[in-house]
Amino acid sequence: MRRLVALLLFALTALVLPAAALAHEAPQNAESKWVMTDWMMDTFFIFSGLALVAFLAAWKAGHFHDLEQHGAIPLVVEEEDYYTPEWALDEEEWA
């Protein structure tokens, strides 16, 4: 019997709480129009601040040292050209 009462109480609570949330409507006034904008601006500044801190930490750790040298390494690798068809290699360029 106690299990049934507990189950009914849980089911009733699960059905009533969403209805209370749906019944609530935010008042429409001049201040309420900016609620979403404020939230978005706060999120932007938080994430951009974290990105700036991560960038500065990477910079201080030396991850951006000699980028020109590291960028040239893949250009030195010699490998077969798999993408150009044979007929394109046989034809002469147009004048």
PDB file of N, CA and C in Angstrom:
ATOM      1  N   MET A   1       0.819  -1.199   0.000  1.00  0.00           N
ATOM      2  CA  MET A   1       0.000   0.000   0.000  1.00  0.00           C
ATOM      3  C   MET A   1       0.865   1.267   0.000  1.00  0.00           C
ATOM      4  N   ARG A   2       1.952   1.223   0.775  1.00  0.00           N
ATOM      5  CA  ARG A   2       2.830   2.394   0.823  1.00  0.00           C
ATOM      6  C   ARG A   2       3.505   2.638  -0.529  1.00  0.00           C
ATOM      7  N   ARG A   3       3.837   1.554  -1.216  1.00  0.00           N
ATOM      8  CA  ARG A   3       4.450   1.705  -2.534  1.00  0.00           C
ATOM      9  C   ARG A   3       3.476   2.367  -3.503  1.00  0.00           C
ATOM     10  N   LEU A   4       2.222   1.990  -3.425  1.00  0.00           N
ATOM     11  CA  LEU A   4       1.216   2.565  -4.311  1.00  0.00           C
ATOM     12  C   LEU A   4       1.026   4.051  -4.021  1.00  0.00           C
ATOM     13  N   VAL A   5       0.990   4.406  -2.739  1.00  0.00           N
ATOM     14  CA  VAL A   5       0.837   5.813  -2.378  1.00  0.00           C
ATOM     15  C   VAL A   5       2.067   6.609  -2.826  1.00  0.00           C
ATOM     16  N   ALA A   6       3.256   6.051  -2.619  1.00  0.00           N
ATOM     17  CA  ALA A   6       4.468   6.729  -3.046  1.00  0.00           C
ATOM     18  C   ALA A   6       4.503   6.888  -4.559  1.00  0.00           C
ATOM     19  N   LEU A   7       4.083   5.859  -5.285  1.00  0.00           N
ATOM     20  CA  LEU A   7       4.053   5.919  -6.743  1.00  0.00           C
ATOM     21  C   LEU A   7       3.034   6.944  -7.227  1.00  0.00           C
ATOM     22  N   LEU A   8       1.866   6.992  -6.608  1.00  0.00           N
ATOM     23  CA  LEU A   8       0.852   7.975  -6.988  1.00  0.00           C
ATOM     24  C   LEU A   8       1.313   9.396  -6.662  1.00  0.00           C
ATOM     25  N   LEU A   9       1.966   9.577  -5.528  1.00  0.00           N
ATOM     26  CA  LEU A   9       2.489  10.893  -5.164  1.00  0.00           C
ATOM     27  C   LEU A   9       3.580  11.341  -6.145  1.00  0.00           C
ATOM     28  N   PHE A  10       4.437  10.415  -6.516  1.00  0.00           N
ATOM     29  CA  PHE A  10       5.478  10.734  -7.495  1.00  0.00           C
ATOM     30  C   PHE A  10       4.868  11.070  -8.854  1.00  0.00           C
ATOM     31  N   ALA A  11       3.885  10.291  -9.286  1.00  0.00           N
ATOM     32  CA  ALA A  11       3.242  10.544 -10.575  1.00  0.00           C
ATOM     33  C   ALA A  11       2.503  11.881 -10.564  1.00  0.00           C
ATOM     34  N   LEU A  12       1.819  12.175  -9.473  1.00  0.00           N
ATOM     35  CA  LEU A  12       1.101  13.446  -9.362  1.00  0.00           C
ATOM     36  C   LEU A  12       2.075  14.628  -9.380  1.00  0.00           C
ATOM     37  N   THR A  13       3.193  14.479  -8.677  1.00  0.00           N
ATOM     38  CA  THR A  13       4.206  15.543  -8.674  1.00  0.00           C
ATOM     39  C   THR A  13       4.799  15.724 -10.066  1.00  0.00           C
ATOM     40  N   ALA A  14       5.069  14.625 -10.760  1.00  0.00           N
ATOM     41  CA  ALA A  14       5.638  14.696 -12.105  1.00  0.00           C
ATOM     42  C   ALA A  14       4.670  15.336 -13.087  1.00  0.00           C
ATOM     43  N   LEU A  15       3.380  15.206 -12.849  1.00  0.00           N
ATOM     44  CA  LEU A  15       2.396  15.805 -13.745  1.00  0.00           C
ATOM     45  C   LEU A  15       2.096  17.258 -13.399  1.00  0.00           C
ATOM     46  N   VAL A  16       2.206  17.634 -12.132  1.00  0.00           N
ATOM     47  CA  VAL A  16       1.841  18.987 -11.703  1.00  0.00           C
ATOM     48  C   VAL A  16       2.973  19.985 -11.932  1.00  0.00           C
ATOM     49  N   LEU A  17       4.226  19.604 -11.683  1.00  0.00           N
ATOM     50  CA  LEU A  17       5.331  20.552 -11.788  1.00  0.00           C
ATOM     51  C   LEU A  17       5.510  21.129 -13.204  1.00  0.00           C
ATOM     52  N   PRO A  18       5.446  20.331 -14.263  1.00  0.00           N
ATOM     53  CA  PRO A  18       5.549  20.952 -15.589  1.00  0.00           C
ATOM     54  C   PRO A  18       4.394  21.898 -15.894  1.00  0.00           C
ATOM     55  N   ALA A  19       3.226  21.601 -15.386  1.00  0.00           N
ATOM     56  CA  ALA A  19       2.090  22.493 -15.621  1.00  0.00           C
ATOM     57  C   ALA A  19       2.317  23.846 -14.964  1.00  0.00           C
ATOM     58  N   ALA A  20       2.935  23.850 -13.797  1.00  0.00           N
ATOM     59  CA  ALA A  20       3.238  25.119 -13.129  1.00  0.00           C
ATOM     60  C   ALA A  20       4.275  25.906 -13.922  1.00  0.00           C
ATOM     61  N   ALA A  21       5.216  25.204 -14.527  1.00  0.00           N
ATOM     62  CA  ALA A  21       6.220  25.897 -15.330  1.00  0.00           C
ATOM     63  C   ALA A  21       5.604  26.453 -16.606  1.00  0.00           C
ATOM     64  N   LEU A  22       4.691  25.711 -17.210  1.00  0.00           N
ATOM     65  CA  LEU A  22       4.057  26.182 -18.437  1.00  0.00           C
ATOM     66  C   LEU A  22       3.085  27.325 -18.162  1.00  0.00           C
ATOM     67  N   ALA A  23       2.515  27.378 -16.971  1.00  0.00           N
ATOM     68  CA  ALA A  23       1.560  28.431 -16.649  1.00  0.00           C
ATOM     69  C   ALA A  23       2.246  29.771 -16.405  1.00  0.00           C
ATOM     70  N   HIS A  24       3.524  29.741 -16.131  1.00  0.00           N
ATOM     71  CA  HIS A  24       4.264  30.973 -15.853  1.00  0.00           C
ATOM     72  C   HIS A  24       4.631  31.657 -17.162  1.00  0.00           C
ATOM     73  N   GLU A  25       4.309  32.918 -17.248  1.00  0.00           N
ATOM     74  CA  GLU A  25       4.702  33.706 -18.401  1.00  0.00           C
ATOM     75  C   GLU A  25       5.472  34.915 -17.917  1.00  0.00           C
ATOM     76  N   ALA A  26       6.549  35.209 -18.608  1.00  0.00           N
ATOM     77  CA  ALA A  26       7.346  36.366 -18.239  1.00  0.00           C
ATOM     78  C   ALA A  26       6.595  37.635 -18.605  1.00  0.00           C
ATOM     79  N   PRO A  27       6.642  38.644 -17.765  1.00  0.00           N
ATOM     80  CA  PRO A  27       5.969  39.894 -18.108  1.00  0.00           C
ATOM     81  C   PRO A  27       6.671  40.575 -19.278  1.00  0.00           C
ATOM     82  N   GLN A  28       5.898  41.125 -20.165  1.00  0.00           N
ATOM     83  CA  GLN A  28       6.455  41.817 -21.325  1.00  0.00           C
ATOM     84  C   GLN A  28       6.539  43.308 -21.016  1.00  0.00           C
ATOM     85  N   ASN A  29       7.721  43.739 -20.693  1.00  0.00           N
ATOM     86  CA  ASN A  29       7.955  45.159 -20.487  1.00  0.00           C
ATOM     87  C   ASN A  29       9.274  45.519 -21.160  1.00  0.00           C
ATOM     88  N   ALA A  30       9.722  46.735 -20.996  1.00  0.00           N
ATOM     89  CA  ALA A  30      10.927  47.192 -21.684  1.00  0.00           C
ATOM     90  C   ALA A  30      12.171  46.440 -21.208  1.00  0.00           C
ATOM     91  N   GLU A  31      12.201  46.042 -19.935  1.00  0.00           N
ATOM     92  CA  GLU A  31      13.373  45.353 -19.408  1.00  0.00           C
ATOM     93  C   GLU A  31      13.419  43.891 -19.826  1.00  0.00           C
ATOM     94  N   SER A  32      12.272  43.247 -19.944  1.00  0.00           N
ATOM     95  CA  SER A  32      12.253  41.823 -20.262  1.00  0.00           C
ATOM     96  C   SER A  32      12.691  41.530 -21.693  1.00  0.00           C
ATOM     97  N   LYS A  33      12.679  42.521 -22.572  1.00  0.00           N
ATOM     98  CA  LYS A  33      13.124  42.309 -23.946  1.00  0.00           C
ATOM     99  C   LYS A  33      14.628  42.083 -24.024  1.00  0.00           C
ATOM    100  N   TRP A  34      15.374  42.531 -23.010  1.00  0.00           N
ATOM    101  CA  TRP A  34      16.824  42.449 -23.033  1.00  0.00           C
ATOM    102  C   TRP A  34      17.372  41.267 -22.247  1.00  0.00           C
ATOM    103  N   VAL A  35      16.506  40.409 -21.716  1.00  0.00           N
ATOM    104  CA  VAL A  35      16.974  39.299 -20.883  1.00  0.00           C
ATOM    105  C   VAL A  35      17.833  38.337 -21.700  1.00  0.00           C
ATOM    106  N   MET A  36      17.382  37.954 -22.891  1.00  0.00           N
ATOM    107  CA  MET A  36      18.147  37.033 -23.719  1.00  0.00           C
ATOM    108  C   MET A  36      19.431  37.692 -24.210  1.00  0.00           C
ATOM    109  N   THR A  37      19.384  38.947 -24.527  1.00  0.00           N
ATOM    110  CA  THR A  37      20.578  39.653 -24.986  1.00  0.00           C
ATOM    111  C   THR A  37      21.617  39.717 -23.874  1.00  0.00           C
ATOM    112  N   ASP A  38      21.190  39.995 -22.659  1.00  0.00           N
ATOM    113  CA  ASP A  38      22.123  40.025 -21.534  1.00  0.00           C
ATOM    114  C   ASP A  38      22.789  38.675 -21.335  1.00  0.00           C
ATOM    115  N   TRP A  39      22.020  37.607 -21.437  1.00  0.00           N
ATOM    116  CA  TRP A  39      22.552  36.260 -21.262  1.00  0.00           C
ATOM    117  C   TRP A  39      23.564  35.934 -22.359  1.00  0.00           C
ATOM    118  N   MET A  40      23.243  36.316 -23.583  1.00  0.00           N
ATOM    119  CA  MET A  40      24.153  36.040 -24.694  1.00  0.00           C
ATOM    120  C   MET A  40      25.437  36.853 -24.577  1.00  0.00           C
ATOM    121  N   MET A  41      25.332  38.097 -24.166  1.00  0.00           N
ATOM    122  CA  MET A  41      26.518  38.927 -23.991  1.00  0.00           C
ATOM    123  C   MET A  41      27.404  38.386 -22.867  1.00  0.00           C
ATOM    124  N   ASP A  42      26.790  37.982 -21.759  1.00  0.00           N
ATOM    125  CA  ASP A  42      27.566  37.394 -20.661  1.00  0.00           C
ATOM    126  C   ASP A  42      28.312  36.156 -21.129  1.00  0.00           C
ATOM    127  N   THR A  43      27.633  35.290 -21.868  1.00  0.00           N
ATOM    128  CA  THR A  43      28.257  34.066 -22.365  1.00  0.00           C
ATOM    129  C   THR A  43      29.399  34.388 -23.319  1.00  0.00           C
ATOM    130  N   PHE A  44      29.189  35.363 -24.204  1.00  0.00           N
ATOM    131  CA  PHE A  44      30.242  35.749 -25.134  1.00  0.00           C
ATOM    132  C   PHE A  44      31.482  36.231 -24.388  1.00  0.00           C
ATOM    133  N   PHE A  45      31.307  37.102 -23.411  1.00  0.00           N
ATOM    134  CA  PHE A  45      32.457  37.634 -22.694  1.00  0.00           C
ATOM    135  C   PHE A  45      33.152  36.568 -21.852  1.00  0.00           C
ATOM    136  N   ILE A  46      32.392  35.644 -21.296  1.00  0.00           N
ATOM    137  CA  ILE A  46      33.008  34.564 -20.513  1.00  0.00           C
ATOM    138  C   ILE A  46      33.865  33.682 -21.411  1.00  0.00           C
ATOM    139  N   PHE A  47      33.299  33.232 -22.544  1.00  0.00           N
ATOM    140  CA  PHE A  47      34.050  32.331 -23.420  1.00  0.00           C
ATOM    141  C   PHE A  47      35.195  33.041 -24.128  1.00  0.00           C
ATOM    142  N   SER A  48      35.009  34.291 -24.516  1.00  0.00           N
ATOM    143  CA  SER A  48      36.115  35.000 -25.158  1.00  0.00           C
ATOM    144  C   SER A  48      37.230  35.276 -24.154  1.00  0.00           C
ATOM    145  N   GLY A  49      36.886  35.534 -22.909  1.00  0.00           N
ATOM    146  CA  GLY A  49      37.909  35.699 -21.877  1.00  0.00           C
ATOM    147  C   GLY A  49      38.679  34.412 -21.631  1.00  0.00           C
ATOM    148  N   LEU A  50      37.970  33.282 -21.596  1.00  0.00           N
ATOM    149  CA  LEU A  50      38.656  31.997 -21.432  1.00  0.00           C
ATOM    150  C   LEU A  50      39.545  31.684 -22.628  1.00  0.00           C
ATOM    151  N   ALA A  51      39.077  32.019 -23.828  1.00  0.00           N
ATOM    152  CA  ALA A  51      39.894  31.797 -25.025  1.00  0.00           C
ATOM    153  C   ALA A  51      41.138  32.666 -24.995  1.00  0.00           C
ATOM    154  N   LEU A  52      41.022  33.898 -24.531  1.00  0.00           N
ATOM    155  CA  LEU A  52      42.179  34.777 -24.425  1.00  0.00           C
ATOM    156  C   LEU A  52      43.182  34.233 -23.412  1.00  0.00           C
ATOM    157  N   VAL A  53      42.706  33.748 -22.293  1.00  0.00           N
ATOM    158  CA  VAL A  53      43.604  33.176 -21.284  1.00  0.00           C
ATOM    159  C   VAL A  53      44.297  31.933 -21.843  1.00  0.00           C
ATOM    160  N   ALA A  54      43.563  31.072 -22.570  1.00  0.00           N
ATOM    161  CA  ALA A  54      44.172  29.881 -23.167  1.00  0.00           C
ATOM    162  C   ALA A  54      45.202  30.262 -24.220  1.00  0.00           C
ATOM    163  N   PHE A  55      44.908  31.290 -25.025  1.00  0.00           N
ATOM    164  CA  PHE A  55      45.863  31.753 -26.028  1.00  0.00           C
ATOM    165  C   PHE A  55      47.134  32.286 -25.378  1.00  0.00           C
ATOM    166  N   LEU A  56      46.985  33.088 -24.338  1.00  0.00           N
ATOM    167  CA  LEU A  56      48.157  33.628 -23.652  1.00  0.00           C
ATOM    168  C   LEU A  56      48.982  32.525 -22.995  1.00  0.00           C
ATOM    169  N   ALA A  57      48.315  31.518 -22.438  1.00  0.00           N
ATOM    170  CA  ALA A  57      49.043  30.403 -21.830  1.00  0.00           C
ATOM    171  C   ALA A  57      49.810  29.623 -22.893  1.00  0.00           C
ATOM    172  N   ALA A  58      49.196  29.401 -24.068  1.00  0.00           N
ATOM    173  CA  ALA A  58      49.886  28.696 -25.148  1.00  0.00           C
ATOM    174  C   ALA A  58      51.045  29.526 -25.679  1.00  0.00           C
ATOM    175  N   TRP A  59      50.861  30.824 -25.748  1.00  0.00           N
ATOM    176  CA  TRP A  59      51.919  31.706 -26.233  1.00  0.00           C
ATOM    177  C   TRP A  59      53.109  31.699 -25.274  1.00  0.00           C
ATOM    178  N   LYS A  60      52.817  31.788 -23.975  1.00  0.00           N
ATOM    179  CA  LYS A  60      53.892  31.776 -22.985  1.00  0.00           C
ATOM    180  C   LYS A  60      54.597  30.418 -22.940  1.00  0.00           C
ATOM    181  N   ALA A  61      53.876  29.346 -23.279  1.00  0.00           N
ATOM    182  CA  ALA A  61      54.472  28.008 -23.280  1.00  0.00           C
ATOM    183  C   ALA A  61      55.332  27.771 -24.519  1.00  0.00           C
ATOM    184  N   GLY A  62      55.286  28.690 -25.497  1.00  0.00           N
ATOM    185  CA  GLY A  62      56.139  28.586 -26.666  1.00  0.00           C
ATOM    186  C   GLY A  62      55.549  27.816 -27.823  1.00  0.00           C
ATOM    187  N   HIS A  63      54.238  27.661 -27.845  1.00  0.00           N
ATOM    188  CA  HIS A  63      53.604  26.902 -28.931  1.00  0.00           C
ATOM    189  C   HIS A  63      53.573  27.661 -30.252  1.00  0.00           C
ATOM    190  N   PHE A  64      53.842  28.955 -30.243  1.00  0.00           N
ATOM    191  CA  PHE A  64      53.827  29.753 -31.462  1.00  0.00           C
ATOM    192  C   PHE A  64      55.245  30.169 -31.865  1.00  0.00           C
ATOM    193  N   HIS A  65      56.226  29.404 -31.457  1.00  0.00           N
ATOM    194  CA  HIS A  65      57.623  29.710 -31.744  1.00  0.00           C
ATOM    195  C   HIS A  65      58.019  29.070 -33.079  1.00  0.00           C
ATOM    196  N   ASP A  66      58.643  29.804 -33.972  1.00  0.00           N
ATOM    197  CA  ASP A  66      59.121  29.320 -35.275  1.00  0.00           C
ATOM    198  C   ASP A  66      58.011  28.699 -36.114  1.00  0.00           C
ATOM    199  N   LEU A  67      56.931  29.418 -36.292  1.00  0.00           N
ATOM    200  CA  LEU A  67      55.829  28.895 -37.091  1.00  0.00           C
ATOM    201  C   LEU A  67      56.209  28.738 -38.558  1.00  0.00           C
ATOM    202  N   GLU A  68      57.102  29.606 -39.066  1.00  0.00           N
ATOM    203  CA  GLU A  68      57.509  29.500 -40.461  1.00  0.00           C
ATOM    204  C   GLU A  68      58.263  28.197 -40.707  1.00  0.00           C
ATOM    205  N   GLN A  69      59.092  27.811 -39.773  1.00  0.00           N
ATOM    206  CA  GLN A  69      59.856  26.579 -39.921  1.00  0.00           C
ATOM    207  C   GLN A  69      58.943  25.355 -39.837  1.00  0.00           C
ATOM    208  N   HIS A  70      58.013  25.368 -38.927  1.00  0.00           N
ATOM    209  CA  HIS A  70      57.108  24.230 -38.774  1.00  0.00           C
ATOM    210  C   HIS A  70      56.128  24.123 -39.941  1.00  0.00           C
ATOM    211  N   GLY A  71      55.767  25.261 -40.540  1.00  0.00           N
ATOM    212  CA  GLY A  71      54.853  25.232 -41.679  1.00  0.00           C
ATOM    213  C   GLY A  71      55.495  24.716 -42.938  1.00  0.00           C
ATOM    214  N   ALA A  72      56.814  24.781 -43.049  1.00  0.00           N
ATOM    215  CA  ALA A  72      57.513  24.325 -44.248  1.00  0.00           C
ATOM    216  C   ALA A  72      57.784  22.827 -44.232  1.00  0.00           C
ATOM    217  N   ILE A  73      57.651  22.176 -43.130  1.00  0.00           N
ATOM    218  CA  ILE A  73      57.954  20.742 -43.035  1.00  0.00           C
ATOM    219  C   ILE A  73      57.070  19.905 -43.962  1.00  0.00           C
ATOM    220  N   PRO A  74      55.743  20.100 -44.015  1.00  0.00           N
ATOM    221  CA  PRO A  74      54.938  19.268 -44.927  1.00  0.00           C
ATOM    222  C   PRO A  74      55.248  19.509 -46.396  1.00  0.00           C
ATOM    223  N   LEU A  75      55.818  20.646 -46.753  1.00  0.00           N
ATOM    224  CA  LEU A  75      56.123  20.928 -48.151  1.00  0.00           C
ATOM    225  C   LEU A  75      57.327  20.151 -48.644  1.00  0.00           C
ATOM    226  N   VAL A  76      58.165  19.626 -47.757  1.00  0.00           N
ATOM    227  CA  VAL A  76      59.364  18.906 -48.137  1.00  0.00           C
ATOM    228  C   VAL A  76      59.058  17.451 -48.475  1.00  0.00           C
ATOM    229  N   VAL A  77      57.927  16.931 -48.048  1.00  0.00           N
ATOM    230  CA  VAL A  77      57.594  15.523 -48.238  1.00  0.00           C
ATOM    231  C   VAL A  77      57.331  15.254 -49.717  1.00  0.00           C
ATOM    232  N   GLU A  78      58.033  14.253 -50.275  1.00  0.00           N
ATOM    233  CA  GLU A  78      57.841  13.848 -51.661  1.00  0.00           C
ATOM    234  C   GLU A  78      56.939  12.620 -51.681  1.00  0.00           C
ATOM    235  N   GLU A  79      55.856  12.694 -52.404  1.00  0.00           N
ATOM    236  CA  GLU A  79      54.986  11.529 -52.549  1.00  0.00           C
ATOM    237  C   GLU A  79      54.359  11.546 -53.932  1.00  0.00           C
ATOM    238  N   GLU A  80      53.825  10.403 -54.313  1.00  0.00           N
ATOM    239  CA  GLU A  80      53.247  10.239 -55.640  1.00  0.00           C
ATOM    240  C   GLU A  80      51.974  11.063 -55.769  1.00  0.00           C
ATOM    241  N   ASP A  81      51.749  11.586 -56.965  1.00  0.00           N
ATOM    242  CA  ASP A  81      50.557  12.376 -57.228  1.00  0.00           C
ATOM    243  C   ASP A  81      49.403  11.436 -57.553  1.00  0.00           C
ATOM    244  N   TYR A  82      48.490  11.277 -56.602  1.00  0.00           N
ATOM    245  CA  TYR A  82      47.356  10.368 -56.788  1.00  0.00           C
ATOM    246  C   TYR A  82      46.153  11.057 -57.415  1.00  0.00           C
ATOM    247  N   TYR A  83      46.180  12.360 -57.513  1.00  0.00           N
ATOM    248  CA  TYR A  83      44.981  13.097 -57.879  1.00  0.00           C
ATOM    249  C   TYR A  83      44.946  13.528 -59.340  1.00  0.00           C
ATOM    250  N   THR A  84      46.092  13.668 -59.986  1.00  0.00           N
ATOM    251  CA  THR A  84      46.111  14.115 -61.375  1.00  0.00           C
ATOM    252  C   THR A  84      46.003  12.896 -62.290  1.00  0.00           C
ATOM    253  N   PRO A  85      45.004  12.859 -63.158  1.00  0.00           N
ATOM    254  CA  PRO A  85      44.865  11.695 -64.058  1.00  0.00           C
ATOM    255  C   PRO A  85      45.979  11.692 -65.106  1.00  0.00           C
ATOM    256  N   GLU A  86      46.218  10.512 -65.684  1.00  0.00           N
ATOM    257  CA  GLU A  86      47.297  10.356 -66.658  1.00  0.00           C
ATOM    258  C   GLU A  86      47.080  11.209 -67.898  1.00  0.00           C
ATOM    259  N   TRP A  87      45.820  11.314 -68.345  1.00  0.00           N
ATOM    260  CA  TRP A  87      45.557  12.068 -69.570  1.00  0.00           C
ATOM    261  C   TRP A  87      45.869  13.550 -69.386  1.00  0.00           C
ATOM    262  N   ALA A  88      45.784  14.048 -68.160  1.00  0.00           N
ATOM    263  CA  ALA A  88      46.083  15.458 -67.927  1.00  0.00           C
ATOM    264  C   ALA A  88      47.584  15.717 -68.003  1.00  0.00           C
ATOM    265  N   LEU A  89      48.379  14.710 -67.684  1.00  0.00           N
ATOM    266  CA  LEU A  89      49.828  14.876 -67.759  1.00  0.00           C
ATOM    267  C   LEU A  89      50.334  14.799 -69.195  1.00  0.00           C
ATOM    268  N   ASP A  90      49.603  14.099 -70.076  1.00  0.00           N
ATOM    269  CA  ASP A  90      50.033  13.923 -71.462  1.00  0.00           C
ATOM    270  C   ASP A  90      49.740  15.141 -72.340  1.00  0.00           C
ATOM    271  N   GLU A  91      48.699  15.872 -72.034  1.00  0.00           N
ATOM    272  CA  GLU A  91      48.315  17.004 -72.890  1.00  0.00           C
ATOM    273  C   GLU A  91      49.193  18.204 -72.620  1.00  0.00           C
ATOM    274  N   GLU A  92      49.362  18.994 -73.692  1.00  0.00           N
ATOM    275  CA  GLU A  92      50.100  20.239 -73.555  1.00  0.00           C
ATOM    276  C   GLU A  92      49.169  21.323 -73.030  1.00  0.00           C
ATOM    277  N   GLU A  93      49.759  22.327 -72.391  1.00  0.00           N
ATOM    278  CA  GLU A  93      48.933  23.441 -71.914  1.00  0.00           C
ATOM    279  C   GLU A  93      48.413  24.260 -73.080  1.00  0.00           C
ATOM    280  N   TRP A  94      47.310  24.901 -72.875  1.00  0.00           N
ATOM    281  CA  TRP A  94      46.739  25.774 -73.910  1.00  0.00           C
ATOM    282  C   TRP A  94      47.601  27.021 -74.021  1.00  0.00           C
ATOM    283  N   ALA A  95      47.660  27.561 -75.212  1.00  0.00           N
ATOM    284  CA  ALA A  95      48.468  28.760 -75.443  1.00  0.00           C
ATOM    285  C   ALA A  95      47.807  29.990 -74.905  1.00  0.00           C
TER     286      ALA A  95
END
